[in-house]
N, C-alpha and C. Protein backbone atom coordinates (compact mmCIF):
# COMPACT_ATOMS: atom_id res chain seq x y z
N MET A 1 0.83 -1.43 0.17
CA MET A 1 0.15 -0.31 -0.03
C MET A 1 0.63 1.12 0.21
N SER A 2 0.50 2.20 -0.68
CA SER A 2 1.82 3.48 -0.92
C SER A 2 1.11 4.02 0.45
N ALA A 3 1.95 5.07 0.20
CA ALA A 3 1.60 6.56 1.81
C ALA A 3 0.50 7.08 1.08
N GLY A 4 0.54 7.47 -0.03
CA GLY A 4 -0.92 8.44 -0.14
C GLY A 4 -2.02 7.37 0.45
N CYS A 5 -2.14 6.38 -0.43
CA CYS A 5 -3.52 5.66 0.35
C CYS A 5 -3.26 4.96 1.73
N ARG A 6 -2.50 5.39 1.95
CA ARG A 6 -2.33 5.52 3.58
C ARG A 6 -3.41 6.10 4.21
N ARG A 7 -2.82 7.15 4.19
CA ARG A 7 -3.14 8.99 4.57
C ARG A 7 -4.83 8.94 4.07
N SER A 8 -5.13 8.80 3.27
CA SER A 8 -6.41 8.48 2.56
C SER A 8 -7.57 7.69 3.25
N ILE A 9 -6.42 6.87 3.97
CA ILE A 9 -7.35 5.92 4.79
C ILE A 9 -7.63 6.35 6.31
N ARG A 10 -6.67 7.51 6.92
CA ARG A 10 -6.81 7.69 7.67
C ARG A 10 -7.53 8.91 7.74
N ARG A 11 -7.46 9.49 7.14
CA ARG A 11 -8.29 10.75 6.92
C ARG A 11 -9.98 9.96 6.95
N ARG A 12 -9.89 8.59 6.39
CA ARG A 12 -11.49 8.42 5.96
C ARG A 12 -11.84 7.63 7.86
N VAL A 13 -11.07 7.18 8.40
CA VAL A 13 -11.31 7.02 9.69
C VAL A 13 -11.27 8.04 10.37
N LEU A 14 -10.84 8.93 10.42
CA LEU A 14 -10.57 9.77 11.42
C LEU A 14 -12.29 10.90 11.15
N LEU A 15 -12.62 11.09 9.53
CA LEU A 15 -14.03 11.83 9.40
C LEU A 15 -14.86 10.55 9.99
N VAL A 16 -14.80 9.37 10.02
CA VAL A 16 -16.00 8.73 10.60
C VAL A 16 -15.94 8.65 12.11
N ALA A 17 -14.82 8.23 12.69
CA ALA A 17 -14.37 8.97 14.21
C ALA A 17 -14.89 10.53 14.70
N GLU A 18 -14.94 11.41 13.83
CA GLU A 18 -15.46 13.00 14.07
C GLU A 18 -17.07 12.62 14.05
N LEU A 19 -17.83 12.29 12.66
CA LEU A 19 -19.16 12.11 13.00
C LEU A 19 -19.85 10.90 13.76
N VAL A 20 -19.28 9.81 14.26
CA VAL A 20 -19.83 9.33 15.47
C VAL A 20 -19.92 10.02 16.86
N ALA A 21 -18.54 10.78 16.94
CA ALA A 21 -18.56 11.84 18.45
C ALA A 21 -19.37 12.95 18.18
N LEU A 22 -19.86 13.62 16.84
CA LEU A 22 -20.29 14.50 16.67
C LEU A 22 -22.20 14.08 16.94
N ALA A 23 -22.14 13.05 16.25
CA ALA A 23 -23.41 12.23 16.80
C ALA A 23 -24.31 11.94 18.16
N VAL A 24 -22.97 11.53 18.94
CA VAL A 24 -23.21 11.27 19.66
C VAL A 24 -23.45 12.52 21.28
N LEU A 25 -22.83 13.96 20.64
CA LEU A 25 -23.15 15.10 21.41
C LEU A 25 -23.90 15.77 20.91
N ALA A 26 -24.56 15.91 19.86
CA ALA A 26 -25.66 16.22 19.41
C ALA A 26 -26.86 15.72 19.89
N SER A 27 -26.76 14.31 20.25
CA SER A 27 -28.35 13.30 20.79
C SER A 27 -28.93 14.03 21.25
N GLY A 28 -28.23 14.25 22.84
CA GLY A 28 -28.79 15.47 23.92
C GLY A 28 -29.40 14.43 24.48
N THR A 29 -29.30 13.16 24.34
CA THR A 29 -30.04 12.50 25.29
C THR A 29 -29.54 12.40 26.67
N THR A 30 -29.26 12.39 28.16
CA THR A 30 -28.74 12.10 29.39
C THR A 30 -29.60 10.68 29.87
N ALA A 31 -28.52 10.19 30.66
CA ALA A 31 -28.98 9.45 31.32
C ALA A 31 -28.82 10.01 33.00
N HIS A 32 -29.93 9.36 33.77
CA HIS A 32 -30.64 9.78 34.58
C HIS A 32 -29.85 8.46 35.99
N ALA A 33 -29.23 9.01 36.40
CA ALA A 33 -28.25 7.98 37.48
C ALA A 33 -28.88 8.31 39.01
N ASP A 34 -30.09 7.22 39.90
CA ASP A 34 -29.90 7.17 41.02
C ASP A 34 -28.86 7.73 41.58
N THR A 35 -29.09 8.78 42.59
CA THR A 35 -28.04 8.88 43.63
C THR A 35 -27.64 8.37 44.72
N ILE A 36 -26.79 7.58 45.29
CA ILE A 36 -26.44 6.75 46.44
C ILE A 36 -25.48 7.55 47.42
N LEU A 37 -26.04 7.77 48.56
CA LEU A 37 -25.11 8.29 49.57
C LEU A 37 -24.11 6.83 50.36
N LEU A 38 -22.98 6.98 49.89
CA LEU A 38 -22.08 5.82 50.83
C LEU A 38 -22.11 6.34 52.10
N ALA A 39 -22.13 7.62 52.47
CA ALA A 39 -21.42 7.64 53.81
C ALA A 39 -21.94 9.05 53.96
N ILE A 40 -22.75 9.45 55.22
CA ILE A 40 -22.98 10.80 55.69
C ILE A 40 -22.36 10.92 57.29
N ALA A 41 -21.73 11.91 57.12
CA ALA A 41 -20.99 12.49 58.23
C ALA A 41 -22.19 13.03 59.41
N GLY A 42 -22.20 12.31 60.54
CA GLY A 42 -23.32 13.11 61.67
C GLY A 42 -22.71 14.48 62.20
N SER A 43 -21.35 14.65 62.11
CA SER A 43 -20.61 16.29 62.62
C SER A 43 -19.15 16.40 62.20
N VAL A 44 -19.03 17.41 62.13
CA VAL A 44 -17.67 18.10 61.74
C VAL A 44 -16.48 17.00 63.05
N ASP A 45 -16.80 16.75 64.09
CA ASP A 45 -16.57 15.96 64.69
C ASP A 45 -15.57 14.84 64.02
N GLU A 46 -17.15 14.32 63.53
CA GLU A 46 -16.47 13.06 63.10
C GLU A 46 -16.27 13.41 61.64
N VAL A 47 -16.00 14.09 60.96
CA VAL A 47 -15.15 14.20 60.04
C VAL A 47 -13.82 14.30 59.54
N LEU A 48 -13.13 15.63 61.51
CA LEU A 48 -12.05 15.08 61.33
C LEU A 48 -11.18 13.92 62.18
N THR A 49 -11.87 13.24 62.75
CA THR A 49 -11.71 11.99 63.12
C THR A 49 -11.40 10.93 62.04
N ASN A 50 -12.40 11.24 61.18
CA ASN A 50 -12.18 10.32 59.42
C ASN A 50 -10.48 11.02 58.71
N ILE A 51 -10.62 12.08 58.94
CA ILE A 51 -9.48 12.53 58.23
C ILE A 51 -8.09 12.38 58.73
N ARG A 52 -8.52 12.37 60.01
CA ARG A 52 -7.09 11.86 60.98
C ARG A 52 -6.77 10.65 60.87
N ASN A 53 -7.87 9.42 60.83
CA ASN A 53 -6.87 8.30 60.73
C ASN A 53 -7.17 8.29 59.14
N TRP A 54 -7.15 8.71 58.27
CA TRP A 54 -6.93 8.46 56.74
C TRP A 54 -5.40 8.66 56.91
N LEU A 55 -5.51 10.14 57.28
CA LEU A 55 -4.12 10.66 57.20
C LEU A 55 -2.98 10.25 57.92
N MET A 56 -3.26 9.82 58.92
CA MET A 56 -2.40 8.13 59.77
C MET A 56 -1.88 7.60 58.75
N GLY A 57 -2.95 6.87 58.09
CA GLY A 57 -2.95 5.39 57.60
C GLY A 57 -1.73 5.59 56.33
N ILE A 58 -2.37 6.87 55.91
CA ILE A 58 -1.48 6.74 54.41
C ILE A 58 -0.12 7.40 54.67
N LEU A 59 0.24 8.07 55.96
CA LEU A 59 1.99 8.53 56.35
C LEU A 59 1.99 7.41 57.22
N ALA A 60 1.69 6.59 57.42
CA ALA A 60 2.46 5.68 58.05
C ALA A 60 2.88 4.02 56.81
N GLY A 61 2.17 4.14 55.98
CA GLY A 61 2.24 3.02 54.69
C GLY A 61 3.03 4.17 53.75
N LEU A 62 3.07 5.26 53.46
CA LEU A 62 4.64 5.66 52.75
C LEU A 62 5.55 5.60 53.51
N ALA A 63 5.74 5.59 54.68
CA ALA A 63 7.30 5.71 55.57
C ALA A 63 7.48 4.36 56.02
N THR A 64 6.49 3.07 55.46
CA THR A 64 7.04 2.35 56.22
C THR A 64 7.58 1.30 54.21
N VAL A 65 6.66 2.31 53.25
CA VAL A 65 7.57 1.88 51.84
C VAL A 65 8.99 2.38 52.18
N PHE A 66 9.28 3.38 52.25
CA PHE A 66 10.43 4.20 51.92
C PHE A 66 11.40 3.79 53.23
N PHE A 67 11.24 3.01 54.46
CA PHE A 67 11.31 2.12 55.29
C PHE A 67 12.02 0.57 54.49
N THR A 68 11.25 0.11 53.81
CA THR A 68 11.62 -1.30 53.62
C THR A 68 12.64 -0.79 52.18
N ILE A 69 12.54 0.42 51.19
CA ILE A 69 13.20 0.17 50.29
C ILE A 69 14.59 1.29 50.95
N GLY A 70 15.04 1.30 52.05
CA GLY A 70 15.87 2.05 52.88
C GLY A 70 16.42 0.36 53.02
N ALA A 71 16.06 -0.66 53.60
CA ALA A 71 16.70 -1.14 53.84
C ALA A 71 16.81 -2.98 52.91
N VAL A 72 15.80 -2.85 51.56
CA VAL A 72 16.97 -2.97 50.21
C VAL A 72 18.11 -2.80 49.81
N ARG A 73 17.96 -1.09 49.77
CA ARG A 73 19.37 -0.28 49.41
C ARG A 73 20.28 -0.94 50.07
N ARG A 74 19.88 -1.00 51.91
CA ARG A 74 21.19 -0.77 52.49
C ARG A 74 21.48 -2.20 52.20
N VAL A 75 21.08 -3.25 51.99
CA VAL A 75 21.44 -4.70 52.15
C VAL A 75 21.89 -4.82 50.89
N MET A 76 21.47 -4.34 49.37
CA MET A 76 22.21 -4.85 48.16
C MET A 76 23.72 -3.59 47.65
N ALA A 77 23.33 -2.69 48.74
CA ALA A 77 24.60 -1.53 48.89
C ALA A 77 26.22 -2.53 48.57
N ALA A 78 26.15 -3.54 49.07
CA ALA A 78 27.57 -4.41 49.00
C ALA A 78 28.67 -3.36 49.34
N GLY A 79 28.64 -2.65 50.05
CA GLY A 79 29.82 -1.58 50.98
C GLY A 79 29.70 -0.42 49.85
N ASP A 80 29.27 -0.16 48.90
CA ASP A 80 29.23 1.04 47.74
C ASP A 80 28.89 2.48 48.88
N PRO A 81 29.40 3.42 48.76
CA PRO A 81 29.46 4.22 49.95
C PRO A 81 28.13 5.00 49.15
N GLY A 82 27.77 5.09 48.04
CA GLY A 82 26.93 5.85 47.43
C GLY A 82 25.30 5.34 47.15
N GLU A 83 25.51 4.12 47.52
CA GLU A 83 23.93 3.46 48.07
C GLU A 83 23.29 2.84 49.40
N GLN A 84 24.74 3.74 50.33
CA GLN A 84 24.83 3.73 51.76
C GLN A 84 24.00 4.99 52.10
N GLU A 85 24.37 5.72 51.49
CA GLU A 85 24.16 7.17 51.72
C GLU A 85 22.61 7.33 50.79
N LYS A 86 22.10 6.70 49.92
CA LYS A 86 20.82 6.50 49.34
C LYS A 86 20.24 5.48 50.37
N ALA A 87 20.39 4.74 51.33
CA ALA A 87 19.60 3.85 52.03
C ALA A 87 18.96 4.83 53.00
N LYS A 88 20.49 5.60 54.03
CA LYS A 88 20.35 6.74 55.12
C LYS A 88 19.07 7.75 54.52
N GLU A 89 19.11 8.13 53.23
CA GLU A 89 18.40 9.31 52.93
C GLU A 89 16.53 8.44 53.06
N ALA A 90 17.08 6.71 52.67
CA ALA A 90 15.97 6.74 52.56
C ALA A 90 15.15 6.07 53.82
N PHE A 91 16.13 5.78 54.79
CA PHE A 91 15.84 5.81 55.95
C PHE A 91 15.26 7.17 57.27
N LYS A 92 15.85 7.95 56.60
CA LYS A 92 15.83 9.49 57.45
C LYS A 92 13.84 10.05 56.81
N ALA A 93 13.56 9.56 55.61
CA ALA A 93 12.46 9.99 54.99
C ALA A 93 10.96 9.34 55.39
N ALA A 94 11.58 7.71 55.89
CA ALA A 94 10.83 6.72 56.69
C ALA A 94 10.52 7.40 58.16
N GLY A 95 11.55 8.06 58.40
CA GLY A 95 11.36 8.70 59.96
C GLY A 95 10.11 9.86 59.82
N ILE A 96 10.41 10.78 59.24
CA ILE A 96 9.64 11.89 59.20
C ILE A 96 8.59 11.31 58.69
N GLY A 97 8.45 10.49 57.89
CA GLY A 97 6.78 9.81 57.71
C GLY A 97 6.20 9.83 58.99
N TYR A 98 7.12 8.58 59.96
CA TYR A 98 6.46 7.96 60.93
C TYR A 98 6.27 9.26 61.80
N ALA A 99 7.08 10.34 62.18
CA ALA A 99 6.74 11.27 62.94
C ALA A 99 5.54 12.30 62.32
N LEU A 100 5.24 12.67 61.41
CA LEU A 100 3.97 13.05 60.74
C LEU A 100 3.07 11.90 61.10
N ALA A 101 2.84 11.39 61.01
CA ALA A 101 1.85 9.81 61.18
C ALA A 101 1.46 9.73 62.71
N ALA A 102 2.59 9.95 64.05
CA ALA A 102 2.25 10.30 65.03
C ALA A 102 1.61 11.62 65.28
N LEU A 103 2.32 12.67 64.93
CA LEU A 103 1.60 13.81 65.10
C LEU A 103 0.25 14.23 64.18
N ALA A 104 -0.39 13.48 63.54
CA ALA A 104 -1.52 13.60 62.94
C ALA A 104 -2.78 14.05 64.05
N PRO A 105 -2.69 13.08 65.11
CA PRO A 105 -3.73 13.50 65.92
C PRO A 105 -3.70 15.03 66.59
N LEU A 106 -2.40 15.60 66.89
CA LEU A 106 -2.24 16.88 67.33
C LEU A 106 -2.52 17.46 65.76
N VAL A 107 -2.78 17.85 65.29
CA VAL A 107 -3.02 18.81 64.04
C VAL A 107 -4.61 18.58 63.55
N VAL A 108 -4.95 17.30 64.09
CA VAL A 108 -6.68 17.23 63.80
C VAL A 108 -7.25 18.16 65.08
N SER A 109 -6.78 18.03 66.26
CA SER A 109 -7.30 18.90 67.37
C SER A 109 -6.88 20.01 67.25
N VAL A 110 -5.84 20.48 66.82
CA VAL A 110 -5.86 22.11 66.43
C VAL A 110 -6.96 22.51 65.52
N LEU A 111 -7.07 21.65 64.47
CA LEU A 111 -7.94 22.12 63.34
C LEU A 111 -9.27 22.00 64.51
N LYS A 112 -10.34 20.94 64.87
CA LYS A 112 -10.99 20.92 65.61
C LYS A 112 -11.27 22.19 66.68
N GLY A 113 -9.84 22.87 66.98
CA GLY A 113 -10.24 24.08 68.42
C GLY A 113 -10.15 25.09 67.73
N ILE A 114 -9.75 25.30 65.56
CA ILE A 114 -10.20 26.57 64.74
C ILE A 114 -11.54 25.99 64.56
N VAL A 115 -11.83 25.51 64.56
CA VAL A 115 -13.13 24.88 63.85
C VAL A 115 -14.38 25.26 64.71
N GLY A 116 -14.19 24.75 66.22
CA GLY A 116 -15.00 24.78 67.37
C GLY A 116 -15.72 23.63 67.60
N ALA A 117 -15.37 22.64 67.13
CA ALA A 117 -16.20 21.43 66.92
C ALA A 117 -15.85 20.44 68.46
């Protein structure tokens, strides 16, 4: 197949795709879905408590990932000073993550004080 023939086929395919998209957009029909509420917060205190729990979980999970990366780098370094330094940085990041996870309840209690919950 020649290059001109391929271009012609591509143009036709694009034209058909554009016409189909235009037909879908112009049809104007909309789907109506029932709204399903998965959770309703009873109070601001409950919302802030949920935020605290999620924040602690995410931070502790990320810190564990960094700790694991640091441990693997440390084991696989085989005496390479550059890899040893990267492992130390990963351990430092893990420590910061665990510290922030431990401070999450304090941050949420300050937010509760500001909001008045």
